[in-house]
Amino acid sequence: MEQAQQKPEMHPTQEVRFAVVMYGGISLAIYMNGVAQELGKMVRATAPSEDDVHHAALTDGKLDGTEKVYRKLGRMLSWGSRRRIRQRRRRADL
């Protein structure tokens, strides 16, 4: 029997909001649909759990394709921001 996957830990330091304005004629409809779907995948991959904001809503196994890339990118950005916060605190202590 396969073990159930644990939801990965998350340590959000800030909320990022995206505003997207898409307009155009019929010729751009397919392109706009693709952009909207990718934004939806990014939200799905990085969404926190409703029960515990320090864990992701979905396990890594439930993500597919670009969703895995968005989760990895979110982790990388989070690690970088935490590192910058620690560096600022060290400078402030000097």
PDB file of N, CA and C in Angstrom:
ATOM      1  N   MET A   1       0.833  -1.183   0.000  1.00  0.00           N
ATOM      2  CA  MET A   1       0.000   0.000   0.000  1.00  0.00           C
ATOM      3  C   MET A   1       0.879   1.248   0.000  1.00  0.00           C
ATOM      4  N   GLU A   2       0.591   2.155  -0.873  1.00  0.00           N
ATOM      5  CA  GLU A   2       1.395   3.355  -1.027  1.00  0.00           C
ATOM      6  C   GLU A   2       1.055   4.370   0.055  1.00  0.00           C
ATOM      7  N   GLN A   3       2.104   5.026   0.591  1.00  0.00           N
ATOM      8  CA  GLN A   3       1.886   6.031   1.623  1.00  0.00           C
ATOM      9  C   GLN A   3       1.214   7.262   1.019  1.00  0.00           C
ATOM     10  N   ALA A   4       0.342   7.877   1.794  1.00  0.00           N
ATOM     11  CA  ALA A   4      -0.294   9.120   1.348  1.00  0.00           C
ATOM     12  C   ALA A   4       0.742  10.236   1.352  1.00  0.00           C
ATOM     13  N   GLN A   5       0.713  11.050   0.324  1.00  0.00           N
ATOM     14  CA  GLN A   5       1.674  12.147   0.243  1.00  0.00           C
ATOM     15  C   GLN A   5       1.289  13.253   1.215  1.00  0.00           C
ATOM     16  N   GLN A   6       2.301  13.812   1.845  1.00  0.00           N
ATOM     17  CA  GLN A   6       2.105  14.933   2.754  1.00  0.00           C
ATOM     18  C   GLN A   6       2.007  16.220   1.940  1.00  0.00           C
ATOM     19  N   LYS A   7       1.224  17.156   2.428  1.00  0.00           N
ATOM     20  CA  LYS A   7       1.175  18.459   1.788  1.00  0.00           C
ATOM     21  C   LYS A   7       2.459  19.201   2.122  1.00  0.00           C
ATOM     22  N   PRO A   8       3.128  19.780   1.129  1.00  0.00           N
ATOM     23  CA  PRO A   8       4.398  20.459   1.391  1.00  0.00           C
ATOM     24  C   PRO A   8       4.208  21.687   2.281  1.00  0.00           C
ATOM     25  N   GLU A   9       5.254  21.965   3.057  1.00  0.00           N
ATOM     26  CA  GLU A   9       5.227  23.143   3.928  1.00  0.00           C
ATOM     27  C   GLU A   9       5.381  24.399   3.101  1.00  0.00           C
ATOM     28  N   MET A  10       4.752  25.453   3.561  1.00  0.00           N
ATOM     29  CA  MET A  10       4.864  26.764   2.931  1.00  0.00           C
ATOM     30  C   MET A  10       5.105  27.784   4.030  1.00  0.00           C
ATOM     31  N   HIS A  11       5.894  28.777   3.720  1.00  0.00           N
ATOM     32  CA  HIS A  11       6.132  29.861   4.664  1.00  0.00           C
ATOM     33  C   HIS A  11       5.961  31.185   3.931  1.00  0.00           C
ATOM     34  N   PRO A  12       4.713  31.554   3.663  1.00  0.00           N
ATOM     35  CA  PRO A  12       4.499  32.791   2.907  1.00  0.00           C
ATOM     36  C   PRO A  12       4.953  34.009   3.696  1.00  0.00           C
ATOM     37  N   THR A  13       5.674  34.890   3.023  1.00  0.00           N
ATOM     38  CA  THR A  13       6.133  36.116   3.667  1.00  0.00           C
ATOM     39  C   THR A  13       5.325  37.314   3.190  1.00  0.00           C
ATOM     40  N   GLN A  14       4.667  37.160   2.055  1.00  0.00           N
ATOM     41  CA  GLN A  14       3.845  38.243   1.541  1.00  0.00           C
ATOM     42  C   GLN A  14       2.861  37.693   0.524  1.00  0.00           C
ATOM     43  N   GLU A  15       1.850  38.450   0.258  1.00  0.00           N
ATOM     44  CA  GLU A  15       0.867  38.073  -0.744  1.00  0.00           C
ATOM     45  C   GLU A  15       1.181  38.839  -2.019  1.00  0.00           C
ATOM     46  N   VAL A  16       1.156  38.152  -3.126  1.00  0.00           N
ATOM     47  CA  VAL A  16       1.403  38.788  -4.415  1.00  0.00           C
ATOM     48  C   VAL A  16       0.099  38.752  -5.195  1.00  0.00           C
ATOM     49  N   ARG A  17      -0.296  39.897  -5.692  1.00  0.00           N
ATOM     50  CA  ARG A  17      -1.524  39.978  -6.478  1.00  0.00           C
ATOM     51  C   ARG A  17      -1.177  40.370  -7.907  1.00  0.00           C
ATOM     52  N   PHE A  18      -1.814  39.716  -8.839  1.00  0.00           N
ATOM     53  CA  PHE A  18      -1.613  40.010 -10.249  1.00  0.00           C
ATOM     54  C   PHE A  18      -2.883  40.622 -10.815  1.00  0.00           C
ATOM     55  N   ALA A  19      -2.735  41.705 -11.523  1.00  0.00           N
ATOM     56  CA  ALA A  19      -3.867  42.300 -12.234  1.00  0.00           C
ATOM     57  C   ALA A  19      -3.566  42.147 -13.721  1.00  0.00           C
ATOM     58  N   VAL A  20      -4.475  41.550 -14.420  1.00  0.00           N
ATOM     59  CA  VAL A  20      -4.274  41.300 -15.841  1.00  0.00           C
ATOM     60  C   VAL A  20      -5.438  41.901 -16.610  1.00  0.00           C
ATOM     61  N   VAL A  21      -5.109  42.700 -17.585  1.00  0.00           N
ATOM     62  CA  VAL A  21      -6.126  43.261 -18.464  1.00  0.00           C
ATOM     63  C   VAL A  21      -5.914  42.632 -19.831  1.00  0.00           C
ATOM     64  N   MET A  22      -6.928  41.952 -20.317  1.00  0.00           N
ATOM     65  CA  MET A  22      -6.838  41.316 -21.630  1.00  0.00           C
ATOM     66  C   MET A  22      -7.976  41.834 -22.482  1.00  0.00           C
ATOM     67  N   TYR A  23      -7.638  42.401 -23.595  1.00  0.00           N
ATOM     68  CA  TYR A  23      -8.666  42.888 -24.496  1.00  0.00           C
ATOM     69  C   TYR A  23      -8.206  42.641 -25.927  1.00  0.00           C
ATOM     70  N   GLY A  24      -9.124  42.623 -26.800  1.00  0.00           N
ATOM     71  CA  GLY A  24      -8.801  42.392 -28.200  1.00  0.00           C
ATOM     72  C   GLY A  24      -9.981  41.757 -28.897  1.00  0.00           C
ATOM     73  N   GLY A  25      -9.777  41.471 -30.133  1.00  0.00           N
ATOM     74  CA  GLY A  25     -10.838  40.900 -30.944  1.00  0.00           C
ATOM     75  C   GLY A  25     -10.845  39.386 -30.883  1.00  0.00           C
ATOM     76  N   ILE A  26     -11.591  38.817 -31.785  1.00  0.00           N
ATOM     77  CA  ILE A  26     -11.722  37.361 -31.870  1.00  0.00           C
ATOM     78  C   ILE A  26     -10.369  36.695 -32.082  1.00  0.00           C
ATOM     79  N   SER A  27      -9.492  37.333 -32.811  1.00  0.00           N
ATOM     80  CA  SER A  27      -8.201  36.718 -33.129  1.00  0.00           C
ATOM     81  C   SER A  27      -7.340  36.489 -31.886  1.00  0.00           C
ATOM     82  N   LEU A  28      -7.579  37.257 -30.835  1.00  0.00           N
ATOM     83  CA  LEU A  28      -6.786  37.100 -29.610  1.00  0.00           C
ATOM     84  C   LEU A  28      -7.439  36.188 -28.583  1.00  0.00           C
ATOM     85  N   ALA A  29      -8.615  35.680 -28.847  1.00  0.00           N
ATOM     86  CA  ALA A  29      -9.359  34.894 -27.865  1.00  0.00           C
ATOM     87  C   ALA A  29      -8.597  33.651 -27.425  1.00  0.00           C
ATOM     88  N   ILE A  30      -7.985  32.951 -28.342  1.00  0.00           N
ATOM     89  CA  ILE A  30      -7.247  31.731 -27.990  1.00  0.00           C
ATOM     90  C   ILE A  30      -6.035  32.077 -27.132  1.00  0.00           C
ATOM     91  N   TYR A  31      -5.325  33.130 -27.502  1.00  0.00           N
ATOM     92  CA  TYR A  31      -4.160  33.556 -26.720  1.00  0.00           C
ATOM     93  C   TYR A  31      -4.577  33.956 -25.308  1.00  0.00           C
ATOM     94  N   MET A  32      -5.649  34.731 -25.186  1.00  0.00           N
ATOM     95  CA  MET A  32      -6.109  35.182 -23.869  1.00  0.00           C
ATOM     96  C   MET A  32      -6.544  34.000 -23.013  1.00  0.00           C
ATOM     97  N   ASN A  33      -7.159  33.006 -23.618  1.00  0.00           N
ATOM     98  CA  ASN A  33      -7.563  31.812 -22.884  1.00  0.00           C
ATOM     99  C   ASN A  33      -6.333  31.100 -22.318  1.00  0.00           C
ATOM    100  N   GLY A  34      -5.287  30.993 -23.111  1.00  0.00           N
ATOM    101  CA  GLY A  34      -4.059  30.345 -22.648  1.00  0.00           C
ATOM    102  C   GLY A  34      -3.428  31.086 -21.483  1.00  0.00           C
ATOM    103  N   VAL A  35      -3.390  32.402 -21.570  1.00  0.00           N
ATOM    104  CA  VAL A  35      -2.825  33.215 -20.483  1.00  0.00           C
ATOM    105  C   VAL A  35      -3.648  33.036 -19.210  1.00  0.00           C
ATOM    106  N   ALA A  36      -4.965  33.085 -19.346  1.00  0.00           N
ATOM    107  CA  ALA A  36      -5.844  32.929 -18.176  1.00  0.00           C
ATOM    108  C   ALA A  36      -5.681  31.546 -17.543  1.00  0.00           C
ATOM    109  N   GLN A  37      -5.545  30.512 -18.365  1.00  0.00           N
ATOM    110  CA  GLN A  37      -5.362  29.164 -17.820  1.00  0.00           C
ATOM    111  C   GLN A  37      -4.024  29.040 -17.090  1.00  0.00           C
ATOM    112  N   GLU A  38      -2.965  29.637 -17.619  1.00  0.00           N
ATOM    113  CA  GLU A  38      -1.664  29.570 -16.940  1.00  0.00           C
ATOM    114  C   GLU A  38      -1.702  30.316 -15.621  1.00  0.00           C
ATOM    115  N   LEU A  39      -2.376  31.456 -15.565  1.00  0.00           N
ATOM    116  CA  LEU A  39      -2.514  32.168 -14.289  1.00  0.00           C
ATOM    117  C   LEU A  39      -3.287  31.319 -13.286  1.00  0.00           C
ATOM    118  N   GLY A  40      -4.313  30.619 -13.751  1.00  0.00           N
ATOM    119  CA  GLY A  40      -5.062  29.719 -12.880  1.00  0.00           C
ATOM    120  C   GLY A  40      -4.199  28.592 -12.350  1.00  0.00           C
ATOM    121  N   LYS A  41      -3.317  28.057 -13.183  1.00  0.00           N
ATOM    122  CA  LYS A  41      -2.407  26.990 -12.745  1.00  0.00           C
ATOM    123  C   LYS A  41      -1.421  27.510 -11.709  1.00  0.00           C
ATOM    124  N   MET A  42      -0.958  28.759 -11.900  1.00  0.00           N
ATOM    125  CA  MET A  42      -0.029  29.339 -10.934  1.00  0.00           C
ATOM    126  C   MET A  42      -0.703  29.491  -9.572  1.00  0.00           C
ATOM    127  N   VAL A  43      -1.931  29.959  -9.577  1.00  0.00           N
ATOM    128  CA  VAL A  43      -2.681  30.111  -8.320  1.00  0.00           C
ATOM    129  C   VAL A  43      -2.891  28.755  -7.672  1.00  0.00           C
ATOM    130  N   ARG A  44      -3.273  27.766  -8.448  1.00  0.00           N
ATOM    131  CA  ARG A  44      -3.527  26.418  -7.924  1.00  0.00           C
ATOM    132  C   ARG A  44      -2.263  25.821  -7.292  1.00  0.00           C
ATOM    133  N   ALA A  45      -1.116  26.034  -7.932  1.00  0.00           N
ATOM    134  CA  ALA A  45       0.137  25.449  -7.452  1.00  0.00           C
ATOM    135  C   ALA A  45       0.659  26.116  -6.184  1.00  0.00           C
ATOM    136  N   THR A  46       0.328  27.375  -5.992  1.00  0.00           N
ATOM    137  CA  THR A  46       0.894  28.105  -4.858  1.00  0.00           C
ATOM    138  C   THR A  46      -0.131  28.428  -3.776  1.00  0.00           C
ATOM    139  N   ALA A  47      -1.347  27.917  -3.915  1.00  0.00           N
ATOM    140  CA  ALA A  47      -2.407  28.229  -2.947  1.00  0.00           C
ATOM    141  C   ALA A  47      -2.161  27.535  -1.610  1.00  0.00           C
ATOM    142  N   PRO A  48      -2.321  28.270  -0.511  1.00  0.00           N
ATOM    143  CA  PRO A  48      -2.203  27.640   0.803  1.00  0.00           C
ATOM    144  C   PRO A  48      -3.466  26.859   1.150  1.00  0.00           C
ATOM    145  N   SER A  49      -3.322  25.936   2.055  1.00  0.00           N
ATOM    146  CA  SER A  49      -4.456  25.149   2.530  1.00  0.00           C
ATOM    147  C   SER A  49      -5.408  26.052   3.310  1.00  0.00           C
ATOM    148  N   GLU A  50      -6.688  25.752   3.247  1.00  0.00           N
ATOM    149  CA  GLU A  50      -7.663  26.539   4.008  1.00  0.00           C
ATOM    150  C   GLU A  50      -7.509  26.296   5.510  1.00  0.00           C
ATOM    151  N   ASP A  51      -7.088  25.092   5.885  1.00  0.00           N
ATOM    152  CA  ASP A  51      -6.955  24.738   7.299  1.00  0.00           C
ATOM    153  C   ASP A  51      -5.680  25.293   7.928  1.00  0.00           C
ATOM    154  N   ASP A  52      -4.598  25.321   7.142  1.00  0.00           N
ATOM    155  CA  ASP A  52      -3.292  25.694   7.677  1.00  0.00           C
ATOM    156  C   ASP A  52      -2.518  26.434   6.598  1.00  0.00           C
ATOM    157  N   VAL A  53      -2.303  27.731   6.789  1.00  0.00           N
ATOM    158  CA  VAL A  53      -1.641  28.534   5.757  1.00  0.00           C
ATOM    159  C   VAL A  53      -0.170  28.170   5.573  1.00  0.00           C
ATOM    160  N   HIS A  54       0.367  27.352   6.474  1.00  0.00           N
ATOM    161  CA  HIS A  54       1.769  26.954   6.355  1.00  0.00           C
ATOM    162  C   HIS A  54       1.938  25.658   5.565  1.00  0.00           C
ATOM    163  N   HIS A  55       0.868  25.168   4.959  1.00  0.00           N
ATOM    164  CA  HIS A  55       0.938  23.994   4.096  1.00  0.00           C
ATOM    165  C   HIS A  55       0.176  24.284   2.809  1.00  0.00           C
ATOM    166  N   ALA A  56       0.652  23.705   1.731  1.00  0.00           N
ATOM    167  CA  ALA A  56       0.015  23.896   0.429  1.00  0.00           C
ATOM    168  C   ALA A  56      -1.332  23.185   0.392  1.00  0.00           C
ATOM    169  N   ALA A  57      -2.223  23.690  -0.442  1.00  0.00           N
ATOM    170  CA  ALA A  57      -3.544  23.089  -0.567  1.00  0.00           C
ATOM    171  C   ALA A  57      -3.471  21.725  -1.245  1.00  0.00           C
ATOM    172  N   LEU A  58      -2.537  21.565  -2.169  1.00  0.00           N
ATOM    173  CA  LEU A  58      -2.404  20.317  -2.925  1.00  0.00           C
ATOM    174  C   LEU A  58      -1.035  19.699  -2.715  1.00  0.00           C
ATOM    175  N   THR A  59      -0.977  18.377  -2.754  1.00  0.00           N
ATOM    176  CA  THR A  59       0.305  17.690  -2.681  1.00  0.00           C
ATOM    177  C   THR A  59       1.019  17.827  -4.023  1.00  0.00           C
ATOM    178  N   ASP A  60       2.326  17.595  -4.029  1.00  0.00           N
ATOM    179  CA  ASP A  60       3.087  17.673  -5.270  1.00  0.00           C
ATOM    180  C   ASP A  60       2.575  16.673  -6.304  1.00  0.00           C
ATOM    181  N   GLY A  61       2.075  15.540  -5.849  1.00  0.00           N
ATOM    182  CA  GLY A  61       1.586  14.509  -6.757  1.00  0.00           C
ATOM    183  C   GLY A  61       0.330  14.904  -7.516  1.00  0.00           C
ATOM    184  N   LYS A  62      -0.415  15.862  -6.992  1.00  0.00           N
ATOM    185  CA  LYS A  62      -1.648  16.298  -7.664  1.00  0.00           C
ATOM    186  C   LYS A  62      -1.399  17.415  -8.679  1.00  0.00           C
ATOM    187  N   LEU A  63      -0.163  17.884  -8.764  1.00  0.00           N
ATOM    188  CA  LEU A  63       0.172  18.930  -9.725  1.00  0.00           C
ATOM    189  C   LEU A  63       0.662  18.293 -11.015  1.00  0.00           C
ATOM    190  N   ASP A  64       0.432  18.976 -12.119  1.00  0.00           N
ATOM    191  CA  ASP A  64       0.918  18.455 -13.387  1.00  0.00           C
ATOM    192  C   ASP A  64       1.559  19.566 -14.213  1.00  0.00           C
ATOM    193  N   GLY A  65       2.426  19.180 -15.117  1.00  0.00           N
ATOM    194  CA  GLY A  65       3.029  20.102 -16.078  1.00  0.00           C
ATOM    195  C   GLY A  65       3.600  21.363 -15.464  1.00  0.00           C
ATOM    196  N   THR A  66       3.086  22.492 -15.933  1.00  0.00           N
ATOM    197  CA  THR A  66       3.633  23.771 -15.495  1.00  0.00           C
ATOM    198  C   THR A  66       3.306  24.090 -14.041  1.00  0.00           C
ATOM    199  N   GLU A  67       2.311  23.428 -13.466  1.00  0.00           N
ATOM    200  CA  GLU A  67       1.995  23.667 -12.049  1.00  0.00           C
ATOM    201  C   GLU A  67       3.188  23.319 -11.168  1.00  0.00           C
ATOM    202  N   LYS A  68       3.910  22.257 -11.522  1.00  0.00           N
ATOM    203  CA  LYS A  68       5.105  21.879 -10.762  1.00  0.00           C
ATOM    204  C   LYS A  68       6.179  22.955 -10.880  1.00  0.00           C
ATOM    205  N   VAL A  69       6.296  23.547 -12.053  1.00  0.00           N
ATOM    206  CA  VAL A  69       7.274  24.618 -12.260  1.00  0.00           C
ATOM    207  C   VAL A  69       6.898  25.841 -11.428  1.00  0.00           C
ATOM    208  N   TYR A  70       5.610  26.188 -11.408  1.00  0.00           N
ATOM    209  CA  TYR A  70       5.177  27.337 -10.621  1.00  0.00           C
ATOM    210  C   TYR A  70       5.417  27.125  -9.131  1.00  0.00           C
ATOM    211  N   ARG A  71       5.203  25.906  -8.640  1.00  0.00           N
ATOM    212  CA  ARG A  71       5.454  25.638  -7.226  1.00  0.00           C
ATOM    213  C   ARG A  71       6.941  25.774  -6.920  1.00  0.00           C
ATOM    214  N   LYS A  72       7.781  25.224  -7.787  1.00  0.00           N
ATOM    215  CA  LYS A  72       9.225  25.322  -7.577  1.00  0.00           C
ATOM    216  C   LYS A  72       9.675  26.784  -7.625  1.00  0.00           C
ATOM    217  N   LEU A  73       9.143  27.539  -8.566  1.00  0.00           N
ATOM    218  CA  LEU A  73       9.477  28.957  -8.660  1.00  0.00           C
ATOM    219  C   LEU A  73       9.026  29.708  -7.407  1.00  0.00           C
ATOM    220  N   GLY A  74       7.833  29.389  -6.919  1.00  0.00           N
ATOM    221  CA  GLY A  74       7.349  30.019  -5.692  1.00  0.00           C
ATOM    222  C   GLY A  74       8.254  29.732  -4.507  1.00  0.00           C
ATOM    223  N   ARG A  75       8.732  28.495  -4.417  1.00  0.00           N
ATOM    224  CA  ARG A  75       9.660  28.149  -3.327  1.00  0.00           C
ATOM    225  C   ARG A  75      10.964  28.916  -3.463  1.00  0.00           C
ATOM    226  N   MET A  76      11.474  28.993  -4.691  1.00  0.00           N
ATOM    227  CA  MET A  76      12.735  29.707  -4.911  1.00  0.00           C
ATOM    228  C   MET A  76      12.590  31.176  -4.553  1.00  0.00           C
ATOM    229  N   LEU A  77      11.495  31.798  -4.944  1.00  0.00           N
ATOM    230  CA  LEU A  77      11.277  33.203  -4.611  1.00  0.00           C
ATOM    231  C   LEU A  77      11.115  33.390  -3.111  1.00  0.00           C
ATOM    232  N   SER A  78      10.461  32.451  -2.455  1.00  0.00           N
ATOM    233  CA  SER A  78      10.274  32.519  -1.013  1.00  0.00           C
ATOM    234  C   SER A  78      11.609  32.413  -0.289  1.00  0.00           C
ATOM    235  N   TRP A  79      12.453  31.481  -0.729  1.00  0.00           N
ATOM    236  CA  TRP A  79      13.763  31.330  -0.087  1.00  0.00           C
ATOM    237  C   TRP A  79      14.583  32.599  -0.250  1.00  0.00           C
ATOM    238  N   GLY A  80      14.528  33.188  -1.422  1.00  0.00           N
ATOM    239  CA  GLY A  80      15.283  34.415  -1.663  1.00  0.00           C
ATOM    240  C   GLY A  80      14.792  35.552  -0.797  1.00  0.00           C
ATOM    241  N   SER A  81      13.489  35.683  -0.638  1.00  0.00           N
ATOM    242  CA  SER A  81      12.960  36.782   0.168  1.00  0.00           C
ATOM    243  C   SER A  81      13.299  36.578   1.642  1.00  0.00           C
ATOM    244  N   ARG A  82      13.254  35.334   2.124  1.00  0.00           N
ATOM    245  CA  ARG A  82      13.622  35.092   3.524  1.00  0.00           C
ATOM    246  C   ARG A  82      15.095  35.402   3.752  1.00  0.00           C
ATOM    247  N   ARG A  83      15.925  35.071   2.768  1.00  0.00           N
ATOM    248  CA  ARG A  83      17.354  35.360   2.893  1.00  0.00           C
ATOM    249  C   ARG A  83      17.587  36.868   2.942  1.00  0.00           C
ATOM    250  N   ARG A  84      16.875  37.633   2.095  1.00  0.00           N
ATOM    251  CA  ARG A  84      17.027  39.087   2.093  1.00  0.00           C
ATOM    252  C   ARG A  84      16.548  39.690   3.407  1.00  0.00           C
ATOM    253  N   ILE A  85      15.476  39.154   3.969  1.00  0.00           N
ATOM    254  CA  ILE A  85      14.971  39.663   5.250  1.00  0.00           C
ATOM    255  C   ILE A  85      16.009  39.439   6.343  1.00  0.00           C
ATOM    256  N   ARG A  86      16.620  38.239   6.358  1.00  0.00           N
ATOM    257  CA  ARG A  86      17.654  37.958   7.368  1.00  0.00           C
ATOM    258  C   ARG A  86      18.842  38.889   7.193  1.00  0.00           C
ATOM    259  N   GLN A  87      19.240  39.174   5.943  1.00  0.00           N
ATOM    260  CA  GLN A  87      20.365  40.056   5.703  1.00  0.00           C
ATOM    261  C   GLN A  87      20.060  41.466   6.186  1.00  0.00           C
ATOM    262  N   ARG A  88      18.847  41.928   5.957  1.00  0.00           N
ATOM    263  CA  ARG A  88      18.463  43.266   6.418  1.00  0.00           C
ATOM    264  C   ARG A  88      18.501  43.347   7.941  1.00  0.00           C
ATOM    265  N   ARG A  89      18.037  42.291   8.596  1.00  0.00           N
ATOM    266  CA  ARG A  89      18.044  42.283  10.063  1.00  0.00           C
ATOM    267  C   ARG A  89      19.480  42.321  10.583  1.00  0.00           C
ATOM    268  N   ARG A  90      20.361  41.585   9.934  1.00  0.00           N
ATOM    269  CA  ARG A  90      21.766  41.590  10.371  1.00  0.00           C
ATOM    270  C   ARG A  90      22.369  42.967  10.209  1.00  0.00           C
ATOM    271  N   ARG A  91      22.074  43.629   9.094  1.00  0.00           N
ATOM    272  CA  ARG A  91      22.600  44.985   8.871  1.00  0.00           C
ATOM    273  C   ARG A  91      22.061  45.960   9.905  1.00  0.00           C
ATOM    274  N   ALA A  92      20.793  45.786  10.280  1.00  0.00           N
ATOM    275  CA  ALA A  92      20.187  46.670  11.257  1.00  0.00           C
ATOM    276  C   ALA A  92      20.815  46.487  12.641  1.00  0.00           C
ATOM    277  N   ASP A  93      21.296  45.267  12.920  1.00  0.00           N
ATOM    278  CA  ASP A  93      21.916  44.988  14.223  1.00  0.00           C
ATOM    279  C   ASP A  93      23.318  45.581  14.329  1.00  0.00           C
ATOM    280  N   LEU A  94      23.935  45.860  13.182  1.00  0.00           N
ATOM    281  CA  LEU A  94      25.314  46.381  13.211  1.00  0.00           C
ATOM    282  C   LEU A  94      25.405  47.765  13.704  1.00  0.00           C
TER     283      LEU A  94
END
